[in-house]
PDB file of N, CA and C in Angstrom:
ATOM      1  N   MET A   1      21.015  -3.738 -21.788  1.00  0.00           N
ATOM      2  CA  MET A   1      19.541  -3.952 -21.698  1.00  0.00           C
ATOM      3  C   MET A   1      18.923  -3.721 -20.381  1.00  0.00           C
ATOM      4  N   SER A   2      19.624  -4.116 -19.445  1.00  0.00           N
ATOM      5  CA  SER A   2      19.295  -3.980 -18.067  1.00  0.00           C
ATOM      6  C   SER A   2      18.938  -2.363 -17.708  1.00  0.00           C
ATOM      7  N   VAL A   3      19.760  -1.627 -18.251  1.00  0.00           N
ATOM      8  CA  VAL A   3      19.631  -0.183 -18.078  1.00  0.00           C
ATOM      9  C   VAL A   3      18.370   0.277 -18.580  1.00  0.00           C
ATOM     10  N   TRP A   4      18.363  -0.044 -19.985  1.00  0.00           N
ATOM     11  CA  TRP A   4      17.038   0.355 -20.665  1.00  0.00           C
ATOM     12  C   TRP A   4      15.741  -0.088 -20.068  1.00  0.00           C
ATOM     13  N   LEU A   5      15.673  -1.314 -19.531  1.00  0.00           N
ATOM     14  CA  LEU A   5      14.442  -1.843 -18.941  1.00  0.00           C
ATOM     15  C   LEU A   5      14.252  -1.082 -17.554  1.00  0.00           C
ATOM     16  N   GLY A   6      15.367  -0.766 -17.025  1.00  0.00           N
ATOM     17  CA  GLY A   6      15.126   0.002 -15.701  1.00  0.00           C
ATOM     18  C   GLY A   6      14.528   1.363 -15.908  1.00  0.00           C
ATOM     19  N   ILE A   7      15.156   1.993 -16.922  1.00  0.00           N
ATOM     20  CA  ILE A   7      14.629   3.316 -17.243  1.00  0.00           C
ATOM     21  C   ILE A   7      13.103   3.337 -17.760  1.00  0.00           C
ATOM     22  N   THR A   8      12.899   2.247 -18.437  1.00  0.00           N
ATOM     23  CA  THR A   8      11.413   2.020 -19.019  1.00  0.00           C
ATOM     24  C   THR A   8      10.483   1.817 -17.740  1.00  0.00           C
ATOM     25  N   SER A   9      11.105   1.023 -16.735  1.00  0.00           N
ATOM     26  CA  SER A   9      10.239   0.791 -15.621  1.00  0.00           C
ATOM     27  C   SER A   9       9.902   2.098 -14.775  1.00  0.00           C
ATOM     28  N   ILE A  10      10.850   2.918 -14.761  1.00  0.00           N
ATOM     29  CA  ILE A  10      10.636   4.185 -14.016  1.00  0.00           C
ATOM     30  C   ILE A  10       9.713   5.034 -14.791  1.00  0.00           C
ATOM     31  N   LEU A  11       9.803   5.030 -16.149  1.00  0.00           N
ATOM     32  CA  LEU A  11       8.811   5.783 -16.963  1.00  0.00           C
ATOM     33  C   LEU A  11       7.382   5.418 -16.914  1.00  0.00           C
ATOM     34  N   PHE A  12       7.254   4.050 -16.732  1.00  0.00           N
ATOM     35  CA  PHE A  12       5.885   3.433 -16.788  1.00  0.00           C
ATOM     36  C   PHE A  12       5.518   3.171 -15.348  1.00  0.00           C
ATOM     37  N   TYR A  13       5.960   3.812 -14.357  1.00  0.00           N
ATOM     38  CA  TYR A  13       5.627   3.469 -12.888  1.00  0.00           C
ATOM     39  C   TYR A  13       4.148   3.613 -12.735  1.00  0.00           C
ATOM     40  N   SER A  14       3.347   4.286 -13.463  1.00  0.00           N
ATOM     41  CA  SER A  14       1.947   4.406 -13.110  1.00  0.00           C
ATOM     42  C   SER A  14       1.118   3.362 -13.650  1.00  0.00           C
ATOM     43  N   THR A  15       1.760   2.442 -14.553  1.00  0.00           N
ATOM     44  CA  THR A  15       1.024   1.239 -15.062  1.00  0.00           C
ATOM     45  C   THR A  15       0.938   0.077 -14.045  1.00  0.00           C
ATOM     46  N   GLY A  16       1.698   0.243 -13.142  1.00  0.00           N
ATOM     47  CA  GLY A  16       1.616  -0.781 -12.079  1.00  0.00           C
ATOM     48  C   GLY A  16       2.460  -2.157 -12.508  1.00  0.00           C
ATOM     49  N   VAL A  17       1.668  -3.089 -12.855  1.00  0.00           N
ATOM     50  CA  VAL A  17       2.218  -4.458 -13.121  1.00  0.00           C
ATOM     51  C   VAL A  17       3.290  -4.359 -14.234  1.00  0.00           C
ATOM     52  N   ILE A  18       3.017  -3.595 -15.224  1.00  0.00           N
ATOM     53  CA  ILE A  18       4.074  -3.610 -16.302  1.00  0.00           C
ATOM     54  C   ILE A  18       5.376  -3.002 -15.929  1.00  0.00           C
ATOM     55  N   ALA A  19       5.275  -2.025 -15.041  1.00  0.00           N
ATOM     56  CA  ALA A  19       6.585  -1.394 -14.423  1.00  0.00           C
ATOM     57  C   ALA A  19       7.253  -2.356 -13.565  1.00  0.00           C
ATOM     58  N   ILE A  20       6.518  -3.014 -12.782  1.00  0.00           N
ATOM     59  CA  ILE A  20       7.105  -4.116 -11.916  1.00  0.00           C
ATOM     60  C   ILE A  20       7.831  -5.168 -12.696  1.00  0.00           C
ATOM     61  N   ILE A  21       7.080  -5.769 -13.772  1.00  0.00           N
ATOM     62  CA  ILE A  21       7.739  -6.774 -14.542  1.00  0.00           C
ATOM     63  C   ILE A  21       8.999  -6.249 -15.251  1.00  0.00           C
ATOM     64  N   LEU A  22       8.970  -4.939 -15.883  1.00  0.00           N
ATOM     65  CA  LEU A  22      10.163  -4.468 -16.518  1.00  0.00           C
ATOM     66  C   LEU A  22      11.348  -4.262 -15.571  1.00  0.00           C
ATOM     67  N   GLY A  23      10.960  -3.698 -14.179  1.00  0.00           N
ATOM     68  CA  GLY A  23      12.019  -3.648 -13.351  1.00  0.00           C
ATOM     69  C   GLY A  23      12.639  -4.905 -12.896  1.00  0.00           C
ATOM     70  N   GLY A  24      11.709  -5.808 -12.733  1.00  0.00           N
ATOM     71  CA  GLY A  24      12.166  -7.208 -12.271  1.00  0.00           C
ATOM     72  C   GLY A  24      13.047  -7.780 -13.278  1.00  0.00           C
ATOM     73  N   ILE A  25      12.773  -7.691 -14.556  1.00  0.00           N
ATOM     74  CA  ILE A  25      13.665  -8.146 -15.661  1.00  0.00           C
ATOM     75  C   ILE A  25      14.836  -7.482 -15.699  1.00  0.00           C
ATOM     76  N   ALA A  26      14.927  -6.151 -15.501  1.00  0.00           N
ATOM     77  CA  ALA A  26      16.137  -5.519 -15.385  1.00  0.00           C
ATOM     78  C   ALA A  26      17.013  -5.950 -14.325  1.00  0.00           C
ATOM     79  N   ILE A  27      16.457  -6.182 -13.191  1.00  0.00           N
ATOM     80  CA  ILE A  27      17.250  -6.688 -12.015  1.00  0.00           C
ATOM     81  C   ILE A  27      17.941  -8.124 -12.430  1.00  0.00           C
ATOM     82  N   ILE A  28      17.061  -8.916 -12.962  1.00  0.00           N
ATOM     83  CA  ILE A  28      17.474 -10.291 -13.308  1.00  0.00           C
ATOM     84  C   ILE A  28      18.659 -10.256 -14.351  1.00  0.00           C
ATOM     85  N   LEU A  29      18.534  -9.412 -15.343  1.00  0.00           N
ATOM     86  CA  LEU A  29      19.472  -9.171 -16.496  1.00  0.00           C
ATOM     87  C   LEU A  29      20.655  -8.641 -15.934  1.00  0.00           C
ATOM     88  N   ALA A  30      20.638  -7.855 -14.923  1.00  0.00           N
ATOM     89  CA  ALA A  30      21.924  -7.267 -14.317  1.00  0.00           C
ATOM     90  C   ALA A  30      22.681  -8.333 -13.695  1.00  0.00           C
ATOM     91  N   PHE A  31      22.017  -9.204 -13.009  1.00  0.00           N
ATOM     92  CA  PHE A  31      22.797 -10.356 -12.363  1.00  0.00           C
ATOM     93  C   PHE A  31      23.224 -11.370 -13.305  1.00  0.00           C
ATOM     94  N   LEU A  32      22.410 -11.611 -14.345  1.00  0.00           N
ATOM     95  CA  LEU A  32      22.899 -12.687 -15.333  1.00  0.00           C
ATOM     96  C   LEU A  32      24.045 -12.097 -16.170  1.00  0.00           C
ATOM     97  N   SER A  33      24.092 -10.792 -16.368  1.00  0.00           N
ATOM     98  CA  SER A  33      25.213 -10.308 -17.110  1.00  0.00           C
ATOM     99  C   SER A  33      26.606 -10.502 -16.688  1.00  0.00           C
ATOM    100  N   ARG A  34      26.732 -10.877 -15.353  1.00  0.00           N
ATOM    101  CA  ARG A  34      28.147 -11.050 -14.845  1.00  0.00           C
ATOM    102  C   ARG A  34      28.677 -12.413 -15.350  1.00  0.00           C
ATOM    103  N   GLY A  35      27.820 -13.325 -15.907  1.00  0.00           N
ATOM    104  CA  GLY A  35      28.472 -14.658 -16.332  1.00  0.00           C
ATOM    105  C   GLY A  35      29.089 -15.339 -15.236  1.00  0.00           C
ATOM    106  N   ASN A  36      30.530 -15.802 -15.486  1.00  0.00           N
ATOM    107  CA  ASN A  36      31.187 -16.678 -14.541  1.00  0.00           C
ATOM    108  C   ASN A  36      31.969 -15.839 -13.534  1.00  0.00           C
ATOM    109  N   THR A  37      32.040 -14.528 -13.666  1.00  0.00           N
ATOM    110  CA  THR A  37      32.669 -13.652 -12.785  1.00  0.00           C
ATOM    111  C   THR A  37      31.848 -13.388 -11.685  1.00  0.00           C
ATOM    112  N   LYS A  38      32.476 -12.910 -10.491  1.00  0.00           N
ATOM    113  CA  LYS A  38      31.771 -12.620  -9.266  1.00  0.00           C
ATOM    114  C   LYS A  38      31.350 -11.149  -9.089  1.00  0.00           C
ATOM    115  N   LYS A  39      32.003 -10.246 -10.086  1.00  0.00           N
ATOM    116  CA  LYS A  39      31.768  -8.884  -9.977  1.00  0.00           C
ATOM    117  C   LYS A  39      30.809  -8.434 -11.108  1.00  0.00           C
ATOM    118  N   LEU A  40      29.961  -7.394 -10.792  1.00  0.00           N
ATOM    119  CA  LEU A  40      29.115  -6.965 -11.814  1.00  0.00           C
ATOM    120  C   LEU A  40      29.811  -5.777 -12.483  1.00  0.00           C
ATOM    121  N   SER A  41      29.506  -5.705 -13.766  1.00  0.00           N
ATOM    122  CA  SER A  41      30.118  -4.556 -14.509  1.00  0.00           C
ATOM    123  C   SER A  41      29.401  -3.343 -14.063  1.00  0.00           C
ATOM    124  N   ARG A  42      30.006  -2.049 -14.528  1.00  0.00           N
ATOM    125  CA  ARG A  42      29.521  -0.920 -14.221  1.00  0.00           C
ATOM    126  C   ARG A  42      28.039  -0.624 -14.729  1.00  0.00           C
ATOM    127  N   GLN A  43      27.931  -1.103 -15.935  1.00  0.00           N
ATOM    128  CA  GLN A  43      26.527  -1.029 -16.539  1.00  0.00           C
ATOM    129  C   GLN A  43      25.491  -1.885 -15.818  1.00  0.00           C
ATOM    130  N   ALA A  44      25.953  -3.098 -15.365  1.00  0.00           N
ATOM    131  CA  ALA A  44      25.054  -4.031 -14.612  1.00  0.00           C
ATOM    132  C   ALA A  44      24.724  -3.374 -13.436  1.00  0.00           C
ATOM    133  N   ILE A  45      25.579  -2.775 -12.692  1.00  0.00           N
ATOM    134  CA  ILE A  45      25.304  -2.091 -11.403  1.00  0.00           C
ATOM    135  C   ILE A  45      24.290  -0.962 -11.570  1.00  0.00           C
ATOM    136  N   ILE A  46      24.463  -0.132 -12.673  1.00  0.00           N
ATOM    137  CA  ILE A  46      23.530   0.991 -13.042  1.00  0.00           C
ATOM    138  C   ILE A  46      22.158   0.212 -13.316  1.00  0.00           C
ATOM    139  N   GLY A  47      22.085  -0.664 -14.125  1.00  0.00           N
ATOM    140  CA  GLY A  47      20.843  -1.370 -14.380  1.00  0.00           C
ATOM    141  C   GLY A  47      20.146  -1.924 -13.166  1.00  0.00           C
ATOM    142  N   LEU A  48      20.905  -2.492 -12.248  1.00  0.00           N
ATOM    143  CA  LEU A  48      20.381  -3.015 -10.963  1.00  0.00           C
ATOM    144  C   LEU A  48      19.865  -1.859 -10.189  1.00  0.00           C
ATOM    145  N   ILE A  49      20.436  -0.861 -10.124  1.00  0.00           N
ATOM    146  CA  ILE A  49      20.000   0.293  -9.265  1.00  0.00           C
ATOM    147  C   ILE A  49      18.793   0.947  -9.951  1.00  0.00           C
ATOM    148  N   ILE A  50      18.758   1.174 -11.298  1.00  0.00           N
ATOM    149  CA  ILE A  50      17.542   1.830 -11.843  1.00  0.00           C
ATOM    150  C   ILE A  50      16.483   0.861 -11.916  1.00  0.00           C
ATOM    151  N   GLY A  51      16.649  -0.413 -12.103  1.00  0.00           N
ATOM    152  CA  GLY A  51      15.591  -1.404 -11.942  1.00  0.00           C
ATOM    153  C   GLY A  51      14.871  -1.426 -10.660  1.00  0.00           C
ATOM    154  N   THR A  52      15.673  -1.357  -9.559  1.00  0.00           N
ATOM    155  CA  THR A  52      15.269  -1.337  -8.195  1.00  0.00           C
ATOM    156  C   THR A  52      14.516  -0.144  -7.897  1.00  0.00           C
ATOM    157  N   ILE A  53      14.971   0.971  -8.402  1.00  0.00           N
ATOM    158  CA  ILE A  53      14.233   2.284  -8.168  1.00  0.00           C
ATOM    159  C   ILE A  53      12.814   2.180  -8.864  1.00  0.00           C
ATOM    160  N   GLY A  54      12.866   1.647 -10.125  1.00  0.00           N
ATOM    161  CA  GLY A  54      11.518   1.640 -10.772  1.00  0.00           C
ATOM    162  C   GLY A  54      10.582   0.713 -10.064  1.00  0.00           C
ATOM    163  N   VAL A  55      11.043  -0.426  -9.549  1.00  0.00           N
ATOM    164  CA  VAL A  55      10.118  -1.361  -8.805  1.00  0.00           C
ATOM    165  C   VAL A  55       9.637  -0.673  -7.563  1.00  0.00           C
ATOM    166  N   THR A  56      10.652  -0.056  -6.828  1.00  0.00           N
ATOM    167  CA  THR A  56      10.334   0.561  -5.495  1.00  0.00           C
ATOM    168  C   THR A  56       9.285   1.757  -5.766  1.00  0.00           C
ATOM    169  N   VAL A  57       9.593   2.598  -6.654  1.00  0.00           N
ATOM    170  CA  VAL A  57       8.670   3.693  -7.025  1.00  0.00           C
ATOM    171  C   VAL A  57       7.177   3.221  -7.313  1.00  0.00           C
ATOM    172  N   THR A  58       7.197   2.101  -8.005  1.00  0.00           N
ATOM    173  CA  THR A  58       5.897   1.608  -8.521  1.00  0.00           C
ATOM    174  C   THR A  58       5.015   1.036  -7.306  1.00  0.00           C
ATOM    175  N   TYR A  59       5.695   0.365  -6.341  1.00  0.00           N
ATOM    176  CA  TYR A  59       5.132  -0.233  -5.144  1.00  0.00           C
ATOM    177  C   TYR A  59       4.768   1.014  -4.173  1.00  0.00           C
ATOM    178  N   VAL A  60       5.554   1.955  -4.104  1.00  0.00           N
ATOM    179  CA  VAL A  60       5.184   3.100  -3.244  1.00  0.00           C
ATOM    180  C   VAL A  60       4.042   3.875  -3.833  1.00  0.00           C
ATOM    181  N   THR A  61       4.045   3.993  -5.150  1.00  0.00           N
ATOM    182  CA  THR A  61       2.774   4.644  -5.687  1.00  0.00           C
ATOM    183  C   THR A  61       1.521   3.940  -5.547  1.00  0.00           C
ATOM    184  N   ILE A  62       1.599   2.570  -5.737  1.00  0.00           N
ATOM    185  CA  ILE A  62       0.400   1.710  -5.554  1.00  0.00           C
ATOM    186  C   ILE A  62       0.037   1.658  -4.014  1.00  0.00           C
ATOM    187  N   GLY A  63       0.886   1.773  -3.112  1.00  0.00           N
ATOM    188  CA  GLY A  63       0.692   1.817  -1.731  1.00  0.00           C
ATOM    189  C   GLY A  63       0.028   3.145  -1.345  1.00  0.00           C
ATOM    190  N   LEU A  64       0.453   4.257  -1.909  1.00  0.00           N
ATOM    191  CA  LEU A  64      -0.090   5.591  -1.564  1.00  0.00           C
ATOM    192  C   LEU A  64      -1.450   5.662  -2.159  1.00  0.00           C
ATOM    193  N   ILE A  65      -1.827   5.052  -3.258  1.00  0.00           N
ATOM    194  CA  ILE A  65      -3.145   5.193  -3.885  1.00  0.00           C
ATOM    195  C   ILE A  65      -4.005   4.357  -2.930  1.00  0.00           C
ATOM    196  N   PHE A  66      -3.680   3.137  -2.478  1.00  0.00           N
ATOM    197  CA  PHE A  66      -4.400   2.354  -1.600  1.00  0.00           C
ATOM    198  C   PHE A  66      -4.668   3.038  -0.349  1.00  0.00           C
ATOM    199  N   TYR A  67      -3.725   3.599   0.265  1.00  0.00           N
ATOM    200  CA  TYR A  67      -3.817   4.513   1.485  1.00  0.00           C
ATOM    201  C   TYR A  67      -4.726   5.660   1.310  1.00  0.00           C
ATOM    202  N   LYS A  68      -4.659   6.214   0.395  1.00  0.00           N
ATOM    203  CA  LYS A  68      -5.593   7.509   0.079  1.00  0.00           C
ATOM    204  C   LYS A  68      -7.063   6.984  -0.052  1.00  0.00           C
ATOM    205  N   ILE A  69      -7.191   5.927  -0.803  1.00  0.00           N
ATOM    206  CA  ILE A  69      -8.561   5.396  -0.987  1.00  0.00           C
ATOM    207  C   ILE A  69      -9.096   4.865   0.370  1.00  0.00           C
ATOM    208  N   LEU A  70      -8.357   4.034   1.094  1.00  0.00           N
ATOM    209  CA  LEU A  70      -8.905   3.390   2.279  1.00  0.00           C
ATOM    210  C   LEU A  70      -8.921   4.254   3.506  1.00  0.00           C
ATOM    211  N   SER A  71      -8.317   5.483   3.265  1.00  0.00           N
ATOM    212  CA  SER A  71      -8.363   6.338   4.441  1.00  0.00           C
ATOM    213  C   SER A  71      -9.428   7.395   4.463  1.00  0.00           C
ATOM    214  N   ASP A  72     -10.175   7.367   3.310  1.00  0.00           N
ATOM    215  CA  ASP A  72     -11.300   8.189   3.185  1.00  0.00           C
ATOM    216  C   ASP A  72     -12.585   7.608   3.837  1.00  0.00           C
ATOM    217  N   PRO A  73     -13.278   8.331   4.809  1.00  0.00           N
ATOM    218  CA  PRO A  73     -14.482   7.794   5.499  1.00  0.00           C
ATOM    219  C   PRO A  73     -15.540   7.379   4.516  1.00  0.00           C
ATOM    220  N   SER A  74     -15.810   8.146   3.507  1.00  0.00           N
ATOM    221  CA  SER A  74     -16.855   7.679   2.693  1.00  0.00           C
ATOM    222  C   SER A  74     -16.703   6.529   1.926  1.00  0.00           C
ATOM    223  N   VAL A  75     -15.421   6.180   1.560  1.00  0.00           N
ATOM    224  CA  VAL A  75     -15.131   4.985   0.851  1.00  0.00           C
ATOM    225  C   VAL A  75     -15.175   3.775   1.880  1.00  0.00           C
ATOM    226  N   VAL A  76     -14.731   4.011   3.091  1.00  0.00           N
ATOM    227  CA  VAL A  76     -14.773   2.909   4.097  1.00  0.00           C
ATOM    228  C   VAL A  76     -16.166   2.556   4.420  1.00  0.00           C
ATOM    229  N   SER A  77     -17.099   3.526   4.492  1.00  0.00           N
ATOM    230  CA  SER A  77     -18.471   3.342   4.844  1.00  0.00           C
ATOM    231  C   SER A  77     -19.271   2.576   3.575  1.00  0.00           C
ATOM    232  N   ALA A  78     -18.903   3.074   2.373  1.00  0.00           N
ATOM    233  CA  ALA A  78     -19.391   2.444   1.202  1.00  0.00           C
ATOM    234  C   ALA A  78     -18.947   0.947   1.047  1.00  0.00           C
ATOM    235  N   ILE A  79     -17.580   0.601   1.469  1.00  0.00           N
ATOM    236  CA  ILE A  79     -17.298  -0.678   1.414  1.00  0.00           C
ATOM    237  C   ILE A  79     -17.918  -1.544   2.405  1.00  0.00           C
ATOM    238  N   ARG A  80     -18.132  -1.052   3.602  1.00  0.00           N
ATOM    239  CA  ARG A  80     -18.892  -1.742   4.662  1.00  0.00           C
ATOM    240  C   ARG A  80     -20.253  -2.025   4.218  1.00  0.00           C
ATOM    241  N   GLU A  81     -20.934  -1.003   3.633  1.00  0.00           N
ATOM    242  CA  GLU A  81     -22.392  -1.205   3.186  1.00  0.00           C
ATOM    243  C   GLU A  81     -22.351  -2.322   2.107  1.00  0.00           C
ATOM    244  N   TYR A  82     -21.423  -2.257   1.109  1.00  0.00           N
ATOM    245  CA  TYR A  82     -21.402  -3.407   0.088  1.00  0.00           C
ATOM    246  C   TYR A  82     -21.152  -4.598   0.712  1.00  0.00           C
ATOM    247  N   ALA A  83     -20.315  -4.832   1.714  1.00  0.00           N
ATOM    248  CA  ALA A  83     -19.988  -6.067   2.329  1.00  0.00           C
ATOM    249  C   ALA A  83     -21.126  -6.665   3.117  1.00  0.00           C
ATOM    250  N   GLN A  84     -21.926  -5.689   3.670  1.00  0.00           N
ATOM    251  CA  GLN A  84     -23.149  -6.261   4.349  1.00  0.00           C
ATOM    252  C   GLN A  84     -24.289  -6.612   3.474  1.00  0.00           C
ATOM    253  N   THR A  85     -24.565  -5.801   2.503  1.00  0.00           N
ATOM    254  CA  THR A  85     -25.808  -6.043   1.762  1.00  0.00           C
ATOM    255  C   THR A  85     -25.398  -6.761   0.452  1.00  0.00           C
ATOM    256  N   GLY A  86     -24.274  -6.440  -0.333  1.00  0.00           N
ATOM    257  CA  GLY A  86     -23.929  -7.105  -1.549  1.00  0.00           C
ATOM    258  C   GLY A  86     -24.858  -6.702  -2.594  1.00  0.00           C
ATOM    259  N   SER A  87     -25.561  -5.612  -2.586  1.00  0.00           N
ATOM    260  CA  SER A  87     -26.420  -5.231  -3.639  1.00  0.00           C
ATOM    261  C   SER A  87     -25.723  -4.394  -4.599  1.00  0.00           C
ATOM    262  N   ILE A  88     -26.358  -4.333  -5.802  1.00  0.00           N
ATOM    263  CA  ILE A  88     -25.773  -3.627  -6.897  1.00  0.00           C
ATOM    264  C   ILE A  88     -25.769  -2.005  -6.542  1.00  0.00           C
ATOM    265  N   ASP A  89     -26.652  -1.499  -5.806  1.00  0.00           N
ATOM    266  CA  ASP A  89     -26.702  -0.146  -5.529  1.00  0.00           C
ATOM    267  C   ASP A  89     -25.591   0.204  -4.518  1.00  0.00           C
ATOM    268  N   ALA A  90     -25.197  -0.694  -3.611  1.00  0.00           N
ATOM    269  CA  ALA A  90     -24.131  -0.480  -2.685  1.00  0.00           C
ATOM    270  C   ALA A  90     -22.816  -0.532  -3.539  1.00  0.00           C
ATOM    271  N   TYR A  91     -22.758  -1.422  -4.422  1.00  0.00           N
ATOM    272  CA  TYR A  91     -21.522  -1.538  -5.217  1.00  0.00           C
ATOM    273  C   TYR A  91     -21.360  -0.249  -6.045  1.00  0.00           C
ATOM    274  N   ASN A  92     -22.448   0.238  -6.590  1.00  0.00           N
ATOM    275  CA  ASN A  92     -22.317   1.504  -7.317  1.00  0.00           C
ATOM    276  C   ASN A  92     -21.960   2.638  -6.509  1.00  0.00           C
ATOM    277  N   ASN A  93     -22.504   2.673  -5.295  1.00  0.00           N
ATOM    278  CA  ASN A  93     -22.063   3.670  -4.315  1.00  0.00           C
ATOM    279  C   ASN A  93     -20.499   3.675  -3.891  1.00  0.00           C
ATOM    280  N   MET A  94     -19.982   2.358  -3.753  1.00  0.00           N
ATOM    281  CA  MET A  94     -18.600   2.147  -3.418  1.00  0.00           C
ATOM    282  C   MET A  94     -17.856   2.566  -4.566  1.00  0.00           C
ATOM    283  N   GLU A  95     -18.199   2.279  -5.911  1.00  0.00           N
ATOM    284  CA  GLU A  95     -17.509   2.691  -7.014  1.00  0.00           C
ATOM    285  C   GLU A  95     -17.394   4.138  -7.137  1.00  0.00           C
ATOM    286  N   ASN A  96     -18.478   4.770  -7.029  1.00  0.00           N
ATOM    287  CA  ASN A  96     -18.527   6.352  -7.183  1.00  0.00           C
ATOM    288  C   ASN A  96     -17.690   6.892  -6.161  1.00  0.00           C
ATOM    289  N   ALA A  97     -17.641   6.410  -4.804  1.00  0.00           N
ATOM    290  CA  ALA A  97     -16.846   6.979  -3.788  1.00  0.00           C
ATOM    291  C   ALA A  97     -15.240   6.726  -4.224  1.00  0.00           C
ATOM    292  N   ILE A  98     -14.937   5.720  -4.625  1.00  0.00           N
ATOM    293  CA  ILE A  98     -13.452   5.448  -5.102  1.00  0.00           C
ATOM    294  C   ILE A  98     -13.073   6.330  -6.132  1.00  0.00           C
ATOM    295  N   TYR A  99     -13.973   6.475  -7.201  1.00  0.00           N
ATOM    296  CA  TYR A  99     -13.657   7.266  -8.334  1.00  0.00           C
ATOM    297  C   TYR A  99     -13.553   8.836  -7.988  1.00  0.00           C
ATOM    298  N   SER A 100     -14.470   9.148  -6.990  1.00  0.00           N
ATOM    299  CA  SER A 100     -14.419  10.639  -6.681  1.00  0.00           C
ATOM    300  C   SER A 100     -12.973  11.026  -5.986  1.00  0.00           C
ATOM    301  N   ILE A 101     -12.369   9.910  -5.403  1.00  0.00           N
ATOM    302  CA  ILE A 101     -11.063  10.222  -4.840  1.00  0.00           C
ATOM    303  C   ILE A 101      -9.926  10.188  -5.848  1.00  0.00           C
ATOM    304  N   VAL A 102     -10.074   9.184  -6.864  1.00  0.00           N
ATOM    305  CA  VAL A 102      -9.016   8.934  -7.802  1.00  0.00           C
ATOM    306  C   VAL A 102      -8.911  10.169  -8.693  1.00  0.00           C
ATOM    307  N   ARG A 103     -10.069  10.671  -9.122  1.00  0.00           N
ATOM    308  CA  ARG A 103     -10.164  11.803 -10.235  1.00  0.00           C
ATOM    309  C   ARG A 103      -9.358  13.044  -9.550  1.00  0.00           C
TER     310      ARG A 103
END
């Protein structure tokens, strides 16, 4: 089960939270599968590795998205404008600036 959840985590990396949860459960199940023994089985090791890859890929993707959004000068100025004024127009400008990058 750990292997399948790890694979699913990798496949759904773009969903964010779902992929992190699936990868986390894959990691937990890999460790729980050992029972009273101290060694992990081959399948548990594979599940552990794949689950870790799924979680890592998801976090890296989220980080790159935030970096791309927050490194754009138009988004930064729109965020500052919204923080200073708090108006609906400033919020709409900020939203449009973010969506123009994400698309």
